[in-house]
Structure formats: structure tokens, C-alpha cells
Amino acid sequence: DPALLRAYEIEKETYEFAYAATYLPSWLWAPTEGM
């Protein structure tokens, strides 16, 4: 289901924001550009 897959991808990218901001700020570019 493309819509469901996209929702999972958006959720995963949101998680990447939280992870990077907490543990690895130098990684924040990845979820920013990815989202």
C-alpha cells in the first residue's frame, strides 16, 4: 500500500529528527533533507 508505506517513512524520518537532536546533532541534515 503506497500510502501506508509513505506514512511509515514519514514516521521513521520523524524518529530520525528526535534521535539526531538527542544523540547526534551532526546527523540532523539527513532527516531534514529526507523529510
All heavy atoms as atom14 arrays in JSON, in Angstrom:
{
  "sequence": "DPALLRAYEIEKETYEFAYAATYLPSWLWAPTEGM",
  "atom14_mask": [
    [1, 1, 1, 1, 1, 1, 1, 1, 0, 0, 0, 0, 0, 0],
    [1, 1, 1, 1, 1, 1, 1, 0, 0, 0, 0, 0, 0, 0],
    [1, 1, 1, 1, 1, 0, 0, 0, 0, 0, 0, 0, 0, 0],
    [1, 1, 1, 1, 1, 1, 1, 1, 0, 0, 0, 0, 0, 0],
    [1, 1, 1, 1, 1, 1, 1, 1, 0, 0, 0, 0, 0, 0],
    [1, 1, 1, 1, 1, 1, 1, 1, 1, 1, 1, 0, 0, 0],
    [1, 1, 1, 1, 1, 0, 0, 0, 0, 0, 0, 0, 0, 0],
    [1, 1, 1, 1, 1, 1, 1, 1, 1, 1, 1, 1, 0, 0],
    [1, 1, 1, 1, 1, 1, 1, 1, 1, 0, 0, 0, 0, 0],
    [1, 1, 1, 1, 1, 1, 1, 1, 0, 0, 0, 0, 0, 0],
    [1, 1, 1, 1, 1, 1, 1, 1, 1, 0, 0, 0, 0, 0],
    [1, 1, 1, 1, 1, 1, 1, 1, 1, 0, 0, 0, 0, 0],
    [1, 1, 1, 1, 1, 1, 1, 1, 1, 0, 0, 0, 0, 0],
    [1, 1, 1, 1, 1, 1, 1, 0, 0, 0, 0, 0, 0, 0],
    [1, 1, 1, 1, 1, 1, 1, 1, 1, 1, 1, 1, 0, 0],
    [1, 1, 1, 1, 1, 1, 1, 1, 1, 0, 0, 0, 0, 0],
    [1, 1, 1, 1, 1, 1, 1, 1, 1, 1, 1, 0, 0, 0],
    [1, 1, 1, 1, 1, 0, 0, 0, 0, 0, 0, 0, 0, 0],
    [1, 1, 1, 1, 1, 1, 1, 1, 1, 1, 1, 1, 0, 0],
    [1, 1, 1, 1, 1, 0, 0, 0, 0, 0, 0, 0, 0, 0],
    [1, 1, 1, 1, 1, 0, 0, 0, 0, 0, 0, 0, 0, 0],
    [1, 1, 1, 1, 1, 1, 1, 0, 0, 0, 0, 0, 0, 0],
    [1, 1, 1, 1, 1, 1, 1, 1, 1, 1, 1, 1, 0, 0],
    [1, 1, 1, 1, 1, 1, 1, 1, 0, 0, 0, 0, 0, 0],
    [1, 1, 1, 1, 1, 1, 1, 0, 0, 0, 0, 0, 0, 0],
    [1, 1, 1, 1, 1, 1, 0, 0, 0, 0, 0, 0, 0, 0],
    [1, 1, 1, 1, 1, 1, 1, 1, 1, 1, 1, 1, 1, 1],
    [1, 1, 1, 1, 1, 1, 1, 1, 0, 0, 0, 0, 0, 0],
    [1, 1, 1, 1, 1, 1, 1, 1, 1, 1, 1, 1, 1, 1],
    [1, 1, 1, 1, 1, 0, 0, 0, 0, 0, 0, 0, 0, 0],
    [1, 1, 1, 1, 1, 1, 1, 0, 0, 0, 0, 0, 0, 0],
    [1, 1, 1, 1, 1, 1, 1, 0, 0, 0, 0, 0, 0, 0],
    [1, 1, 1, 1, 1, 1, 1, 1, 1, 0, 0, 0, 0, 0],
    [1, 1, 1, 1, 0, 0, 0, 0, 0, 0, 0, 0, 0, 0],
    [1, 1, 1, 1, 1, 1, 1, 1, 0, 0, 0, 0, 0, 0]
  ],
  "atom14_positions": [
    [[0.86, -1.18, 0.0], [0.0, 0.0, 0.0], [0.9, 1.23, 0.0], [1.57, 1.52, 1.01], [-0.88, -0.02, 1.25], [-1.84, 1.17, 1.31], [-1.63, 2.15, 0.57], [-2.79, 1.12, 2.12], [0.0, 0.0, 0.0], [0.0, 0.0, 0.0], [0.0, 0.0, 0.0], [0.0, 0.0, 0.0], [0.0, 0.0, 0.0], [0.0, 0.0, 0.0]],
    [[0.96, 1.99, -1.1], [1.87, 3.15, -1.17], [1.6, 4.18, -0.08], [2.54, 4.77, 0.46], [1.61, 3.72, -2.56], [1.02, 2.6, -3.35], [0.22, 1.8, -2.36], [0.0, 0.0, 0.0], [0.0, 0.0, 0.0], [0.0, 0.0, 0.0], [0.0, 0.0, 0.0], [0.0, 0.0, 0.0], [0.0, 0.0, 0.0], [0.0, 0.0, 0.0]],
    [[0.34, 4.41, 0.26], [0.01, 5.41, 1.27], [0.5, 4.97, 2.64], [1.04, 5.78, 3.42], [-1.49, 5.65, 1.29], [0.0, 0.0, 0.0], [0.0, 0.0, 0.0], [0.0, 0.0, 0.0], [0.0, 0.0, 0.0], [0.0, 0.0, 0.0], [0.0, 0.0, 0.0], [0.0, 0.0, 0.0], [0.0, 0.0, 0.0], [0.0, 0.0, 0.0]],
    [[0.33, 3.68, 2.95], [0.79, 3.18, 4.24], [2.31, 3.2, 4.32], [2.89, 3.59, 5.34], [0.27, 1.76, 4.47], [0.69, 1.08, 5.77], [0.26, 1.91, 6.97], [0.12, -0.33, 5.84], [0.0, 0.0, 0.0], [0.0, 0.0, 0.0], [0.0, 0.0, 0.0], [0.0, 0.0, 0.0], [0.0, 0.0, 0.0], [0.0, 0.0, 0.0]],
    [[2.96, 2.81, 3.23], [4.43, 2.83, 3.2], [4.92, 4.26, 3.4], [5.9, 4.49, 4.15], [4.93, 2.27, 1.87], [6.44, 2.27, 1.67], [7.15, 1.45, 2.74], [6.8, 1.74, 0.28], [0.0, 0.0, 0.0], [0.0, 0.0, 0.0], [0.0, 0.0, 0.0], [0.0, 0.0, 0.0], [0.0, 0.0, 0.0], [0.0, 0.0, 0.0]],
    [[4.27, 5.22, 2.77], [4.69, 6.63, 2.92], [4.5, 7.08, 4.37], [5.35, 7.79, 4.91], [3.88, 7.52, 1.98], [4.26, 8.99, 2.06], [3.55, 9.8, 0.97], [3.9, 11.21, 1.07], [3.29, 12.08, 1.85], [2.27, 11.67, 2.6], [3.68, 13.34, 1.89], [0.0, 0.0, 0.0], [0.0, 0.0, 0.0], [0.0, 0.0, 0.0]],
    [[3.42, 6.66, 5.01], [3.2, 7.03, 6.41], [4.31, 6.46, 7.29], [4.82, 7.15, 8.2], [1.84, 6.53, 6.88], [0.0, 0.0, 0.0], [0.0, 0.0, 0.0], [0.0, 0.0, 0.0], [0.0, 0.0, 0.0], [0.0, 0.0, 0.0], [0.0, 0.0, 0.0], [0.0, 0.0, 0.0], [0.0, 0.0, 0.0], [0.0, 0.0, 0.0]],
    [[4.71, 5.22, 7.03], [5.8, 4.62, 7.79], [7.11, 5.38, 7.55], [7.92, 5.56, 8.48], [5.99, 3.16, 7.39], [4.93, 2.21, 7.9], [4.61, 1.05, 7.19], [4.26, 2.44, 9.1], [3.66, 0.15, 7.65], [3.3, 1.55, 9.57], [3.01, 0.4, 8.84], [2.06, -0.48, 9.31], [0.0, 0.0, 0.0], [0.0, 0.0, 0.0]],
    [[7.34, 5.81, 6.31], [8.57, 6.55, 6.01], [8.57, 7.89, 6.73], [9.61, 8.32, 7.27], [8.71, 6.75, 4.5], [9.08, 5.49, 3.74], [9.42, 5.79, 2.29], [10.48, 6.41, 2.05], [8.62, 5.43, 1.4], [0.0, 0.0, 0.0], [0.0, 0.0, 0.0], [0.0, 0.0, 0.0], [0.0, 0.0, 0.0], [0.0, 0.0, 0.0]],
    [[7.45, 8.57, 6.74], [7.37, 9.86, 7.42], [7.57, 9.67, 8.93], [8.28, 10.45, 9.58], [6.01, 10.53, 7.12], [5.99, 10.99, 5.66], [5.76, 11.71, 8.06], [4.66, 11.5, 5.19], [0.0, 0.0, 0.0], [0.0, 0.0, 0.0], [0.0, 0.0, 0.0], [0.0, 0.0, 0.0], [0.0, 0.0, 0.0], [0.0, 0.0, 0.0]],
    [[6.97, 8.62, 9.48], [7.16, 8.34, 10.9], [8.64, 8.06, 11.19], [9.2, 8.53, 12.19], [6.31, 7.15, 11.33], [6.47, 6.82, 12.81], [5.74, 5.56, 13.22], [5.25, 4.83, 12.33], [5.67, 5.28, 14.43], [0.0, 0.0, 0.0], [0.0, 0.0, 0.0], [0.0, 0.0, 0.0], [0.0, 0.0, 0.0], [0.0, 0.0, 0.0]],
    [[9.29, 7.27, 10.33], [10.7, 6.94, 10.53], [11.56, 8.2, 10.45], [12.49, 8.37, 11.25], [11.16, 5.92, 9.49], [12.62, 5.51, 9.61], [12.89, 4.83, 10.94], [14.34, 4.36, 11.02], [14.65, 3.75, 12.34], [0.0, 0.0, 0.0], [0.0, 0.0, 0.0], [0.0, 0.0, 0.0], [0.0, 0.0, 0.0], [0.0, 0.0, 0.0]],
    [[11.27, 9.08, 9.51], [12.06, 10.3, 9.39], [11.83, 11.2, 10.6], [12.75, 11.88, 11.07], [11.69, 11.02, 8.09], [12.81, 11.85, 7.49], [13.96, 11.01, 6.94], [14.84, 10.6, 7.73], [13.99, 10.78, 5.72], [0.0, 0.0, 0.0], [0.0, 0.0, 0.0], [0.0, 0.0, 0.0], [0.0, 0.0, 0.0], [0.0, 0.0, 0.0]],
    [[10.61, 11.19, 11.13], [10.33, 11.95, 12.35], [11.15, 11.41, 13.51], [11.72, 12.18, 14.31], [8.83, 11.86, 12.69], [8.05, 12.31, 11.57], [8.5, 12.71, 13.9], [0.0, 0.0, 0.0], [0.0, 0.0, 0.0], [0.0, 0.0, 0.0], [0.0, 0.0, 0.0], [0.0, 0.0, 0.0], [0.0, 0.0, 0.0], [0.0, 0.0, 0.0]],
    [[11.24, 10.1, 13.6], [12.08, 9.47, 14.63], [13.54, 9.9, 14.47], [14.24, 10.16, 15.46], [11.97, 7.94, 14.53], [12.95, 7.2, 15.4], [12.63, 6.88, 16.72], [14.21, 6.84, 14.91], [13.54, 6.22, 17.52], [15.12, 6.17, 15.71], [14.78, 5.87, 17.02], [15.69, 5.22, 17.82], [0.0, 0.0, 0.0], [0.0, 0.0, 0.0]],
    [[14.0, 9.99, 13.22], [15.39, 10.39, 12.97], [15.66, 11.8, 13.49], [16.76, 12.09, 13.96], [15.71, 10.31, 11.48], [15.77, 8.89, 10.93], [16.96, 8.11, 11.47], [18.04, 8.7, 11.65], [16.8, 6.9, 11.71], [0.0, 0.0, 0.0], [0.0, 0.0, 0.0], [0.0, 0.0, 0.0], [0.0, 0.0, 0.0], [0.0, 0.0, 0.0]],
    [[14.66, 12.7, 13.39], [14.82, 14.03, 13.98], [15.06, 13.91, 15.49], [15.98, 14.54, 16.03], [13.56, 14.87, 13.73], [13.57, 15.65, 12.45], [12.84, 15.21, 11.36], [14.29, 16.82, 12.34], [12.82, 15.93, 10.17], [14.29, 17.55, 11.16], [13.55, 17.1, 10.07], [0.0, 0.0, 0.0], [0.0, 0.0, 0.0], [0.0, 0.0, 0.0]],
    [[14.21, 13.14, 16.17], [14.32, 13.01, 17.62], [15.65, 12.38, 18.01], [16.33, 12.82, 18.95], [13.16, 12.19, 18.17], [0.0, 0.0, 0.0], [0.0, 0.0, 0.0], [0.0, 0.0, 0.0], [0.0, 0.0, 0.0], [0.0, 0.0, 0.0], [0.0, 0.0, 0.0], [0.0, 0.0, 0.0], [0.0, 0.0, 0.0], [0.0, 0.0, 0.0]],
    [[16.06, 11.34, 17.26], [17.31, 10.66, 17.58], [18.51, 11.59, 17.37], [19.39, 11.71, 18.23], [17.46, 9.41, 16.69], [18.79, 8.71, 16.88], [18.97, 7.82, 17.94], [19.85, 8.96, 16.03], [20.19, 7.19, 18.13], [21.08, 8.34, 16.21], [21.24, 7.45, 17.26], [22.46, 6.85, 17.46], [0.0, 0.0, 0.0], [0.0, 0.0, 0.0]],
    [[18.55, 12.25, 16.21], [19.68, 13.12, 15.9], [19.77, 14.28, 16.88], [20.86, 14.63, 17.36], [19.58, 13.62, 14.47], [0.0, 0.0, 0.0], [0.0, 0.0, 0.0], [0.0, 0.0, 0.0], [0.0, 0.0, 0.0], [0.0, 0.0, 0.0], [0.0, 0.0, 0.0], [0.0, 0.0, 0.0], [0.0, 0.0, 0.0], [0.0, 0.0, 0.0]],
    [[18.65, 14.91, 17.19], [18.66, 16.05, 18.1], [19.12, 15.65, 19.49], [19.75, 16.44, 20.2], [17.28, 16.69, 18.16], [0.0, 0.0, 0.0], [0.0, 0.0, 0.0], [0.0, 0.0, 0.0], [0.0, 0.0, 0.0], [0.0, 0.0, 0.0], [0.0, 0.0, 0.0], [0.0, 0.0, 0.0], [0.0, 0.0, 0.0], [0.0, 0.0, 0.0]],
    [[18.84, 14.41, 19.88], [19.19, 13.94, 21.22], [20.61, 13.4, 21.3], [21.35, 13.7, 22.25], [18.2, 12.85, 21.67], [16.87, 13.34, 21.59], [18.48, 12.4, 23.1], [0.0, 0.0, 0.0], [0.0, 0.0, 0.0], [0.0, 0.0, 0.0], [0.0, 0.0, 0.0], [0.0, 0.0, 0.0], [0.0, 0.0, 0.0], [0.0, 0.0, 0.0]],
    [[21.01, 12.61, 20.3], [22.28, 11.89, 20.39], [23.34, 12.34, 19.38], [24.53, 12.23, 19.65], [22.05, 10.38, 20.18], [21.22, 9.73, 21.24], [19.97, 9.19, 20.95], [21.67, 9.63, 22.55], [19.2, 8.57, 21.93], [20.91, 9.02, 23.54], [19.68, 8.49, 23.22], [18.93, 7.89, 24.17], [0.0, 0.0, 0.0], [0.0, 0.0, 0.0]],
    [[22.93, 12.81, 18.21], [23.88, 13.04, 17.13], [23.46, 14.26, 16.3], [23.01, 14.12, 15.17], [23.97, 11.79, 16.25], [25.13, 11.66, 15.27], [26.45, 11.61, 16.01], [24.95, 10.41, 14.41], [0.0, 0.0, 0.0], [0.0, 0.0, 0.0], [0.0, 0.0, 0.0], [0.0, 0.0, 0.0], [0.0, 0.0, 0.0], [0.0, 0.0, 0.0]],
    [[23.63, 15.46, 16.85], [23.17, 16.67, 16.13], [23.77, 16.82, 14.74], [23.13, 17.41, 13.85], [23.62, 17.8, 17.06], [23.66, 17.19, 18.42], [24.13, 15.78, 18.19], [0.0, 0.0, 0.0], [0.0, 0.0, 0.0], [0.0, 0.0, 0.0], [0.0, 0.0, 0.0], [0.0, 0.0, 0.0], [0.0, 0.0, 0.0], [0.0, 0.0, 0.0]],
    [[24.99, 16.3, 14.52], [25.6, 16.42, 13.2], [24.84, 15.63, 12.13], [25.08, 15.82, 10.93], [27.05, 15.92, 13.25], [27.11, 14.55, 13.62], [0.0, 0.0, 0.0], [0.0, 0.0, 0.0], [0.0, 0.0, 0.0], [0.0, 0.0, 0.0], [0.0, 0.0, 0.0], [0.0, 0.0, 0.0], [0.0, 0.0, 0.0], [0.0, 0.0, 0.0]],
    [[23.92, 14.77, 12.55], [23.13, 13.95, 11.63], [21.83, 14.63, 11.25], [21.09, 14.15, 10.38], [22.85, 12.59, 12.28], [22.02, 11.63, 11.49], [20.74, 11.24, 11.77], [22.37, 10.94, 10.29], [20.28, 10.34, 10.83], [21.27, 10.13, 9.9], [23.52, 10.91, 9.49], [21.29, 9.32, 8.78], [23.53, 10.1, 8.37], [22.43, 9.32, 8.02]],
    [[21.51, 15.78, 11.83], [20.21, 16.41, 11.6], [19.97, 16.77, 10.13], [18.81, 16.86, 9.7], [20.08, 17.68, 12.46], [19.5, 17.49, 13.86], [19.65, 18.75, 14.68], [18.04, 17.04, 13.8], [0.0, 0.0, 0.0], [0.0, 0.0, 0.0], [0.0, 0.0, 0.0], [0.0, 0.0, 0.0], [0.0, 0.0, 0.0], [0.0, 0.0, 0.0]],
    [[21.03, 16.94, 9.36], [20.83, 17.26, 7.95], [20.06, 16.16, 7.24], [19.29, 16.44, 6.31], [22.19, 17.48, 7.25], [23.01, 16.22, 7.15], [23.99, 15.81, 8.0], [22.89, 15.2, 6.15], [24.5, 14.6, 7.6], [23.84, 14.2, 6.47], [22.09, 15.03, 5.02], [24.01, 13.06, 5.69], [22.24, 13.89, 4.26], [23.2, 12.92, 4.6]],
    [[20.27, 14.88, 7.66], [19.67, 13.75, 6.94], [18.15, 13.75, 7.05], [17.46, 13.71, 6.01], [20.27, 12.44, 7.43], [0.0, 0.0, 0.0], [0.0, 0.0, 0.0], [0.0, 0.0, 0.0], [0.0, 0.0, 0.0], [0.0, 0.0, 0.0], [0.0, 0.0, 0.0], [0.0, 0.0, 0.0], [0.0, 0.0, 0.0], [0.0, 0.0, 0.0]],
    [[17.55, 13.78, 8.26], [16.09, 13.83, 8.29], [15.53, 15.13, 7.74], [14.42, 15.15, 7.2], [15.76, 13.66, 9.78], [17.01, 14.05, 10.51], [18.13, 13.65, 9.61], [0.0, 0.0, 0.0], [0.0, 0.0, 0.0], [0.0, 0.0, 0.0], [0.0, 0.0, 0.0], [0.0, 0.0, 0.0], [0.0, 0.0, 0.0], [0.0, 0.0, 0.0]],
    [[16.29, 16.22, 7.86], [15.81, 17.49, 7.33], [15.65, 17.4, 5.81], [14.59, 17.71, 5.25], [16.77, 18.63, 7.7], [16.89, 18.71, 9.12], [16.25, 19.96, 7.15], [0.0, 0.0, 0.0], [0.0, 0.0, 0.0], [0.0, 0.0, 0.0], [0.0, 0.0, 0.0], [0.0, 0.0, 0.0], [0.0, 0.0, 0.0], [0.0, 0.0, 0.0]],
    [[16.72, 16.96, 5.14], [16.64, 16.84, 3.68], [15.71, 15.69, 3.27], [15.0, 15.79, 2.26], [18.04, 16.61, 3.12], [18.96, 17.81, 3.28], [20.3, 17.6, 2.59], [20.42, 16.67, 1.76], [21.24, 18.38, 2.87], [0.0, 0.0, 0.0], [0.0, 0.0, 0.0], [0.0, 0.0, 0.0], [0.0, 0.0, 0.0], [0.0, 0.0, 0.0]],
    [[15.72, 14.62, 4.06], [14.87, 13.49, 3.72], [13.39, 13.81, 3.82], [12.6, 13.46, 2.93], [0.0, 0.0, 0.0], [0.0, 0.0, 0.0], [0.0, 0.0, 0.0], [0.0, 0.0, 0.0], [0.0, 0.0, 0.0], [0.0, 0.0, 0.0], [0.0, 0.0, 0.0], [0.0, 0.0, 0.0], [0.0, 0.0, 0.0], [0.0, 0.0, 0.0]],
    [[13.0, 14.48, 4.92], [11.59, 14.85, 5.08], [11.18, 15.84, 4.01], [10.07, 15.74, 3.43], [11.36, 15.43, 6.47], [9.89, 15.65, 6.81], [9.0, 14.08, 7.13], [9.43, 13.82, 8.86], [0.0, 0.0, 0.0], [0.0, 0.0, 0.0], [0.0, 0.0, 0.0], [0.0, 0.0, 0.0], [0.0, 0.0, 0.0], [0.0, 0.0, 0.0]]
  ]
}
